[in-house]
């Protein structure tokens, strides 16, 4: 039986592969995001580890530009859909004010925010 660390690692591998495809100029479309959500649902059913559990396991890295803390935020669209993102919380000082793209889940936004070159 898989434990929580195994499940988190699977999610990270999926998101890393998508990042590689994007960097290599591969096609990325809404279909990929839907496939990820379906995979997450299957993993949750098989392991009992849910999306909220995984979100708690991912610590957001600090802003790469100002070193400020990062926070989750959500955007309520006119369609009624709610999208998640991560952004630098140091808006008054950070000149860049980075944020992620809009995602269906906080977990996806966190993985994107934390994906960067180490060094």
Protein backbone atom coordinates (compact mmCIF):
# COMPACT_ATOMS: atom_id res chain seq x y z
CA UNK A 1 0.00 0.00 0.00
CA UNK A 2 1.25 3.47 -0.88
CA UNK A 3 1.73 6.02 1.84
CA UNK A 4 1.28 9.77 1.65
CA UNK A 5 4.89 10.43 0.56
CA UNK A 6 4.48 8.04 -2.39
CA UNK A 7 1.33 9.83 -3.51
CA UNK A 8 2.93 13.28 -3.24
CA UNK A 9 5.88 12.00 -5.27
CA UNK A 10 3.53 10.74 -8.00
CA UNK A 11 1.89 14.16 -8.23
CA UNK A 12 5.28 15.86 -8.44
CA UNK A 13 6.42 13.52 -11.20
CA UNK A 14 3.27 14.20 -13.23
CA UNK A 15 3.74 17.96 -12.92
CA UNK A 16 7.46 17.75 -13.69
CA UNK A 17 6.68 15.85 -16.90
CA UNK A 18 4.22 18.54 -17.93
CA UNK A 19 6.88 21.17 -17.22
CA UNK A 20 9.35 19.29 -19.42
CA UNK A 21 6.80 19.14 -22.24
CA UNK A 22 6.21 22.88 -21.98
CA UNK A 23 9.96 23.64 -22.06
CA UNK A 24 10.49 21.34 -25.04
CA UNK A 25 7.72 23.11 -26.92
CA UNK A 26 5.31 20.23 -26.57
CA UNK A 27 1.60 20.72 -26.84
CA UNK A 28 -0.08 21.62 -23.58
CA UNK A 29 -3.80 22.03 -23.54
CA UNK A 30 -6.79 21.95 -21.23
CA UNK A 31 -7.00 18.22 -21.94
CA UNK A 32 -3.77 17.70 -19.99
CA UNK A 33 -5.21 19.46 -16.96
CA UNK A 34 -8.34 17.30 -17.14
CA UNK A 35 -6.20 14.17 -17.37
CA UNK A 36 -4.24 15.23 -14.29
CA UNK A 37 -7.45 15.75 -12.33
CA UNK A 38 -8.65 12.28 -13.36
CA UNK A 39 -5.33 10.75 -12.25
CA UNK A 40 -5.60 12.54 -8.93
CA UNK A 41 -9.12 11.20 -8.43
CA UNK A 42 -7.96 7.64 -9.13
CA UNK A 43 -5.02 7.97 -6.74
CA UNK A 44 -7.33 9.35 -4.05
CA UNK A 45 -9.74 6.41 -4.47
CA UNK A 46 -6.92 3.87 -4.32
CA UNK A 47 -4.99 5.36 -1.40
CA UNK A 48 -7.48 7.34 0.64
CA UNK A 49 -5.13 10.32 0.47
CA UNK A 50 -7.12 13.31 -0.76
CA UNK A 51 -6.30 16.59 -2.46
CA UNK A 52 -6.54 18.60 0.77
CA UNK A 53 -4.11 16.20 2.47
CA UNK A 54 -1.59 16.70 -0.31
CA UNK A 55 -1.94 20.48 -0.30
CA UNK A 56 -0.95 20.50 3.37
CA UNK A 57 2.22 18.54 2.53
CA UNK A 58 3.49 21.08 0.00
CA UNK A 59 5.30 24.04 1.52
CA UNK A 60 5.38 27.06 -0.77
CA UNK A 61 8.82 28.38 -1.63
CA UNK A 62 9.56 32.04 -1.00
CA UNK A 63 9.36 34.58 -3.82
CA UNK A 64 12.42 34.16 -6.06
CA UNK A 65 12.70 37.92 -6.54
CA UNK A 66 12.20 39.54 -3.12
CA UNK A 67 12.29 36.57 -0.72
CA UNK A 68 8.79 37.32 0.57
CA UNK A 69 6.32 34.65 1.54
CA UNK A 70 3.94 33.19 -1.01
CA UNK A 71 0.19 32.86 -0.47
CA UNK A 72 -2.68 31.05 -2.09
CA UNK A 73 -5.38 33.15 -3.69
CA UNK A 74 -8.46 32.37 -5.72
CA UNK A 75 -10.21 34.09 -8.56
CA UNK A 76 -13.97 33.83 -9.03
CA UNK A 77 -14.77 33.90 -12.74
CA UNK A 78 -17.97 35.26 -14.27
CA UNK A 79 -18.82 31.68 -15.28
CA UNK A 80 -19.01 30.76 -11.60
CA UNK A 81 -15.83 28.71 -11.78
CA UNK A 82 -13.21 29.29 -9.07
CA UNK A 83 -9.54 29.16 -10.08
CA UNK A 84 -6.57 28.87 -7.73
CA UNK A 85 -3.20 30.61 -7.90
CA UNK A 86 -0.12 31.33 -5.80
CA UNK A 87 1.42 34.77 -5.63
CA UNK A 88 4.04 36.78 -3.77
CA UNK A 89 2.48 38.30 -0.65
CA UNK A 90 5.03 41.13 -0.52
CA UNK A 91 3.18 43.26 -3.06
CA UNK A 92 4.25 46.62 -1.62
CA UNK A 93 7.97 45.89 -1.94
CA UNK A 94 8.37 43.24 -4.63
CA UNK A 95 8.84 44.96 -7.97
CA UNK A 96 8.08 41.84 -10.00
CA UNK A 97 4.98 40.57 -8.15
CA UNK A 98 5.06 37.06 -9.62
CA UNK A 99 2.08 34.74 -9.65
CA UNK A 100 1.18 31.40 -11.17
CA UNK A 101 -1.29 30.72 -13.93
CA UNK A 102 -4.85 29.93 -12.90
CA UNK A 103 -5.43 26.31 -11.91
CA UNK A 104 -8.37 24.14 -10.91
CA UNK A 105 -6.73 23.16 -7.61
CA UNK A 106 -4.40 24.65 -5.02
CA UNK A 107 -2.13 21.65 -5.41
CA UNK A 108 -1.55 22.38 -9.11
CA UNK A 109 -0.86 26.05 -8.34
CA UNK A 110 1.60 25.08 -5.57
CA UNK A 111 3.49 22.66 -7.80
CA UNK A 112 3.81 25.34 -10.51
CA UNK A 113 4.97 27.98 -7.99
CA UNK A 114 7.60 25.67 -6.54
CA UNK A 115 8.91 24.54 -9.96
CA UNK A 116 12.09 26.51 -10.58
CA UNK A 117 15.78 25.95 -10.99
CA UNK A 118 17.62 25.41 -7.73
CA UNK A 119 20.74 27.39 -7.15
